[in-house]
Amino acid sequence: MVDQSLINRRSRGDDRHISDLKSVQGQLTLSHIMTPREHFICCGADEPAQGVMERVSEVFDAVPVVESSDPTDIAAPILGLLHRDRIPFRNSTIRAADCADTSALKTAHPLDRNLLVYINGLNGHPVEFVASGSEIVGLVTPYDLERLPVRTALFAQIIDVERLMGDLINARFPDTAAWEERISKRLSGKLQTGLKRAIKNESVGQPILSVDFAVKLDLLPHCFEGPHDATWVGKESDEIRELRNVVAHGAPFANVTQLPDQLRNLLRLRGLISKRISELRGQS
């Protein structure tokens, strides 16, 4: 006999879990990964542009230009960004101010922009300013996507998607025998291990909580009616599983510039799962 009080306690625990995830995602902003204004490596407005790039390390794709003869003057107004690849060829005298990308000031991101919102909106990977009101207070680069707050935000999102995957599999196939019929042979052992773990842990009708992410991901395409969504989920499975592993284990991103597309795919997966759960609940 199922202990209803235990189920209710688990439900309340799930609610708190979801609330915690949303809290983590909401609190992590650009302020947690940006380089603060006082740490900028800048150049003066009148410095020769080519000379600036010769003295600055090649790891910097762009350098802020300040309206001052002293590049270290943190109170000097910022005129824009000097991009390494936008200096006129064979012009050794052109000033940094004459090459500065002033549009970078207009497209500055607000200090409190959510990290996942920021990453989701990235197209290309330039150096970008961060602003508080009308004041430039920081800048962000592709390298900043490697920082721990980004991984924390991504992990919270992945855990949320994994929870929804379990909900969908339970809704579509409430009997675990259906899982065993559909699981790939290479993952059959992992499924059995998870089911045994569920019995040991007395998961009260929720064995999906005890099976590996790879098992859930393998069962997921079977939960969709139309071939289009199922095919897309199956096609993206390897990338989504790899992203989860990299984030969970703290491994370096193979190519951090691919992260925005990976996040967009993760969010698309979440949307497809949520839509399918709603369809199934409407049919019941």
Protein backbone atom coordinates (compact mmCIF):
# COMPACT_ATOMS: atom_id res chain seq x y z
CA MET A 1 0.00 0.00 0.00
CA VAL A 2 1.31 3.44 -0.98
CA ASP A 3 2.02 5.82 1.90
CA GLN A 4 0.10 8.95 0.79
CA SER A 5 1.80 11.10 3.43
CA LEU A 6 5.17 10.18 1.96
CA ILE A 7 3.97 11.12 -1.52
CA ASN A 8 2.73 14.45 -0.19
CA ARG A 9 6.09 15.12 1.47
CA ARG A 10 7.87 14.33 -1.80
CA SER A 11 5.51 16.66 -3.66
CA ARG A 12 6.30 19.49 -1.24
CA GLY A 13 9.98 18.68 -1.65
CA ASP A 14 9.64 18.91 -5.43
CA ASP A 15 7.93 22.30 -5.11
CA ARG A 16 10.79 23.59 -2.96
CA HIS A 17 13.29 22.11 -5.42
CA ILE A 18 11.68 23.95 -8.35
CA SER A 19 11.57 27.16 -6.32
CA ASP A 20 15.27 26.80 -5.53
CA LEU A 21 16.12 26.28 -9.20
CA LYS A 22 14.21 29.39 -10.23
CA SER A 23 15.89 31.35 -7.45
CA VAL A 24 19.36 30.28 -8.60
CA GLN A 25 18.62 31.09 -12.22
CA GLY A 26 17.12 34.45 -11.35
CA GLN A 27 19.95 35.64 -9.12
CA LEU A 28 22.87 34.90 -11.43
CA THR A 29 23.53 37.96 -13.61
CA LEU A 30 26.27 39.56 -15.67
CA SER A 31 27.53 41.21 -12.50
CA HIS A 32 28.87 37.78 -11.47
CA ILE A 33 31.09 37.18 -14.52
CA MET A 34 32.04 40.59 -15.93
CA THR A 35 35.43 42.26 -15.65
CA PRO A 36 34.84 45.37 -13.48
CA ARG A 37 35.67 48.83 -14.86
CA GLU A 38 38.66 49.27 -12.53
CA HIS A 39 40.30 46.18 -14.06
CA PHE A 40 40.00 47.27 -17.71
CA ILE A 41 43.14 47.34 -19.84
CA CYS A 42 42.53 50.50 -21.87
CA CYS A 43 44.22 52.78 -24.35
CA GLY A 44 44.20 56.55 -24.71
CA ALA A 45 42.23 58.29 -27.43
CA ASP A 46 45.33 59.68 -29.17
CA GLU A 47 47.43 56.52 -29.10
CA PRO A 48 48.24 55.01 -32.54
CA ALA A 49 45.80 52.13 -32.99
CA GLN A 50 48.41 49.70 -34.32
CA GLY A 51 50.76 50.57 -31.48
CA VAL A 52 48.03 49.72 -28.96
CA MET A 53 47.58 46.25 -30.38
CA GLU A 54 51.32 45.70 -30.45
CA ARG A 55 51.65 46.41 -26.73
CA VAL A 56 48.51 44.55 -25.67
CA SER A 57 48.49 40.75 -25.48
CA GLU A 58 46.92 38.95 -28.44
CA VAL A 59 44.43 37.28 -26.09
CA PHE A 60 42.58 40.63 -26.10
CA ASP A 61 40.40 40.95 -29.21
CA ALA A 62 39.30 44.46 -28.25
CA VAL A 63 40.50 47.25 -25.98
CA PRO A 64 38.36 50.02 -24.44
CA VAL A 65 39.35 53.52 -25.59
CA VAL A 66 39.22 56.27 -22.97
CA GLU A 67 39.08 60.03 -23.41
CA SER A 68 42.37 60.61 -21.61
CA SER A 69 46.10 60.57 -22.18
CA ASP A 70 46.33 58.19 -19.19
CA PRO A 71 44.89 54.73 -20.07
CA THR A 72 44.76 53.84 -16.37
CA ASP A 73 42.45 56.73 -15.49
CA ILE A 74 39.34 54.85 -14.33
CA ALA A 75 37.34 58.08 -14.14
CA ALA A 76 37.88 58.91 -17.83
CA PRO A 77 34.87 58.56 -20.13
CA ILE A 78 34.93 55.50 -22.41
CA LEU A 79 34.67 56.31 -26.11
CA GLY A 80 34.20 52.80 -27.44
CA LEU A 81 36.09 49.61 -28.27
CA LEU A 82 39.19 49.27 -30.43
CA HIS A 83 38.86 45.91 -32.22
CA ARG A 84 42.06 44.16 -33.24
CA ASP A 85 40.64 43.07 -36.59
CA ARG A 86 39.14 46.45 -37.57
CA ILE A 87 42.24 48.66 -37.73
CA PRO A 88 42.83 50.03 -41.26
CA PHE A 89 45.61 48.09 -42.97
CA ARG A 90 48.96 49.87 -43.41
CA ASN A 91 47.95 52.96 -41.46
CA SER A 92 50.36 53.25 -38.56
CA THR A 93 49.30 56.75 -37.52
CA ILE A 94 45.54 56.48 -37.21
CA ARG A 95 44.38 57.22 -33.67
CA ALA A 96 42.60 54.71 -31.46
CA ALA A 97 39.67 57.11 -31.09
CA ASP A 98 39.25 57.23 -34.89
CA CYS A 99 38.85 53.42 -35.00
CA ALA A 100 36.74 53.04 -31.87
CA ASP A 101 33.48 51.14 -32.16
CA THR A 102 31.13 53.64 -30.55
CA SER A 103 28.09 51.41 -31.14
CA ALA A 104 29.40 49.16 -28.37
CA LEU A 105 28.25 51.82 -25.89
CA LYS A 106 24.69 51.78 -27.24
CA THR A 107 24.46 47.98 -27.11
CA ALA A 108 25.81 47.65 -23.56
CA HIS A 109 23.98 45.06 -21.47
CA PRO A 110 22.37 45.99 -18.15
CA LEU A 111 24.26 44.90 -15.06
CA ASP A 112 21.35 42.80 -13.80
CA ARG A 113 20.80 40.85 -17.03
CA ASN A 114 20.22 37.17 -16.26
CA LEU A 115 23.10 34.97 -17.42
CA LEU A 116 20.93 32.51 -19.33
CA VAL A 117 19.03 35.35 -21.02
CA TYR A 118 22.36 36.89 -22.01
CA ILE A 119 23.81 33.65 -23.40
CA ASN A 120 20.58 32.77 -25.19
CA GLY A 121 20.71 36.09 -27.03
CA LEU A 122 24.33 35.87 -28.16
CA ASN A 123 24.99 35.90 -31.91
CA GLY A 124 28.68 36.03 -32.60
CA HIS A 125 30.97 36.58 -29.66
CA PRO A 126 32.30 40.12 -29.44
CA VAL A 127 33.58 41.86 -26.37
CA GLU A 128 30.62 43.76 -24.94
CA PHE A 129 30.13 46.42 -22.29
CA VAL A 130 28.00 46.13 -19.16
CA ALA A 131 26.23 49.24 -17.91
CA SER A 132 24.51 50.46 -14.77
CA GLY A 133 22.28 53.29 -15.88
CA SER A 134 24.41 55.43 -18.20
CA GLU A 135 27.71 54.32 -16.66
CA ILE A 136 29.93 51.57 -18.07
CA VAL A 137 30.78 49.33 -15.14
CA GLY A 138 32.16 46.19 -16.79
CA LEU A 139 32.77 44.17 -19.92
CA VAL A 140 32.20 40.55 -20.90
CA THR A 141 34.04 38.30 -23.33
CA PRO A 142 33.58 34.71 -24.56
CA TYR A 143 36.13 33.62 -21.97
CA ASP A 144 33.79 34.74 -19.20
CA LEU A 145 31.35 31.98 -20.21
CA GLU A 146 33.80 29.53 -18.62
CA ARG A 147 33.21 31.00 -15.17
CA LEU A 148 31.51 29.13 -12.34
CA PRO A 149 28.32 31.26 -12.19
CA VAL A 150 27.60 30.32 -15.84
CA ARG A 151 28.02 26.64 -15.05
CA THR A 152 25.79 27.01 -12.00
CA ALA A 153 23.03 28.64 -14.06
CA LEU A 154 23.34 25.98 -16.77
CA PHE A 155 23.28 23.15 -14.24
CA ALA A 156 20.09 24.52 -12.67
CA GLN A 157 18.50 24.64 -16.14
CA ILE A 158 19.66 21.11 -16.98
CA ILE A 159 18.26 19.73 -13.70
CA ASP A 160 14.95 21.41 -14.49
CA VAL A 161 14.88 19.79 -17.95
CA GLU A 162 15.80 16.40 -16.48
CA ARG A 163 12.90 16.68 -14.02
CA LEU A 164 10.51 17.39 -16.91
CA MET A 165 11.94 14.46 -18.87
CA GLY A 166 11.00 12.20 -15.97
CA ASP A 167 7.50 13.69 -15.79
CA LEU A 168 6.97 13.08 -19.49
CA ILE A 169 8.25 9.49 -19.43
CA ASN A 170 5.98 8.74 -16.46
CA ALA A 171 3.01 10.32 -18.21
CA ARG A 172 3.60 8.49 -21.50
CA PHE A 173 4.75 5.14 -20.09
CA PRO A 174 3.53 4.67 -16.51
CA ASP A 175 4.51 0.98 -16.62
CA THR A 176 8.27 0.38 -16.50
CA ALA A 177 7.80 -2.68 -18.69
CA ALA A 178 7.30 -0.23 -21.56
CA TRP A 179 10.71 1.26 -20.77
CA GLU A 180 12.37 -2.13 -21.00
CA GLU A 181 10.74 -2.74 -24.39
CA ARG A 182 12.02 0.54 -25.83
CA ILE A 183 15.43 1.09 -24.25
CA SER A 184 18.49 0.66 -26.47
CA LYS A 185 20.38 -2.57 -25.85
CA ARG A 186 23.52 -0.65 -24.87
CA LEU A 187 21.60 1.01 -22.02
CA SER A 188 19.54 -1.98 -20.89
CA GLY A 189 21.97 -2.72 -18.06
CA LYS A 190 21.82 0.86 -16.80
CA LEU A 191 18.04 0.77 -16.83
CA GLN A 192 17.99 -2.44 -14.79
CA THR A 193 20.46 -0.97 -12.32
CA GLY A 194 18.25 2.08 -11.92
CA LEU A 195 15.11 0.01 -11.40
CA LYS A 196 16.83 -2.09 -8.73
CA ARG A 197 18.00 1.10 -7.06
CA ALA A 198 14.41 2.38 -7.11
CA ILE A 199 13.17 -0.74 -5.30
CA LYS A 200 15.95 -0.44 -2.73
CA ASN A 201 15.20 3.24 -2.15
CA GLU A 202 11.42 2.67 -2.05
CA SER A 203 10.85 5.51 -4.50
CA VAL A 204 7.05 5.20 -4.13
CA GLY A 205 5.95 4.94 -7.72
CA GLN A 206 8.78 7.11 -9.03
CA PRO A 207 11.48 4.74 -10.36
CA ILE A 208 12.31 7.36 -13.00
CA LEU A 209 14.07 9.28 -10.22
CA SER A 210 16.59 6.45 -9.88
CA VAL A 211 17.60 5.94 -13.51
CA ASP A 212 20.49 7.66 -15.27
CA PHE A 213 20.13 10.78 -17.39
CA ALA A 214 21.29 8.75 -20.41
CA VAL A 215 18.40 6.32 -19.89
CA LYS A 216 15.86 9.13 -19.71
CA LEU A 217 17.32 10.72 -22.83
CA ASP A 218 17.13 7.39 -24.70
CA LEU A 219 13.46 6.91 -23.78
CA LEU A 220 12.50 10.49 -24.54
CA PRO A 221 12.02 10.26 -28.35
CA HIS A 222 9.46 7.48 -27.80
CA CYS A 223 7.28 9.95 -25.89
CA PHE A 224 6.41 12.04 -28.95
CA GLU A 225 3.69 11.25 -31.46
CA GLY A 226 4.92 12.99 -34.58
CA PRO A 227 8.19 11.96 -36.23
CA HIS A 228 9.52 15.52 -36.45
CA ASP A 229 9.91 16.15 -32.72
CA ALA A 230 11.08 12.61 -32.01
CA THR A 231 13.71 12.84 -34.75
CA TRP A 232 14.98 16.19 -33.49
CA VAL A 233 15.23 14.95 -29.90
CA GLY A 234 17.10 11.85 -31.03
CA LYS A 235 19.44 13.91 -33.20
CA GLU A 236 20.29 16.36 -30.40
CA SER A 237 20.63 13.73 -27.67
CA ASP A 238 24.41 13.39 -27.91
CA GLU A 239 24.96 17.15 -27.71
CA ILE A 240 22.59 17.55 -24.74
CA ARG A 241 24.15 14.63 -22.88
CA GLU A 242 27.65 16.01 -23.54
CA LEU A 243 26.65 19.46 -22.29
CA ARG A 244 25.27 17.94 -19.09
CA ASN A 245 28.43 15.92 -18.51
CA VAL A 246 30.73 18.88 -19.10
CA VAL A 247 28.74 21.16 -16.80
CA ALA A 248 28.24 18.54 -14.07
CA HIS A 249 31.88 17.46 -14.00
CA GLY A 250 33.41 20.92 -14.31
CA ALA A 251 35.25 19.95 -17.50
CA PRO A 252 36.36 22.67 -19.95
CA PHE A 253 33.95 23.46 -22.77
CA ALA A 254 35.30 22.01 -26.02
CA ASN A 255 34.33 25.26 -27.76
CA VAL A 256 32.77 27.93 -25.60
CA THR A 257 31.53 29.81 -28.69
CA GLN A 258 29.07 26.95 -29.28
CA LEU A 259 27.48 27.42 -25.86
CA PRO A 260 24.69 29.81 -26.99
CA ASP A 261 23.45 27.29 -29.58
CA GLN A 262 23.67 24.49 -27.03
CA LEU A 263 21.61 26.51 -24.55
CA ARG A 264 19.04 27.33 -27.22
CA ASN A 265 18.70 23.62 -27.99
CA LEU A 266 18.29 22.84 -24.30
CA LEU A 267 15.55 25.47 -23.99
CA ARG A 268 13.87 24.16 -27.14
CA LEU A 269 13.91 20.67 -25.63
CA ARG A 270 12.31 22.02 -22.47
CA GLY A 271 9.56 23.64 -24.53
CA LEU A 272 8.85 20.45 -26.50
CA ILE A 273 8.66 18.38 -23.33
CA SER A 274 6.34 20.85 -21.59
CA LYS A 275 4.06 20.96 -24.62
CA ARG A 276 3.92 17.16 -24.84
CA ILE A 277 3.12 16.81 -21.12
CA SER A 278 0.24 19.27 -21.56
CA GLU A 279 -1.05 17.26 -24.53
CA LEU A 280 -0.97 14.01 -22.58
CA ARG A 281 -2.69 15.52 -19.58
CA GLY A 282 -5.38 16.91 -21.86
CA GLN A 283 -6.01 13.44 -23.27
CA SER A 284 -6.41 11.83 -19.86
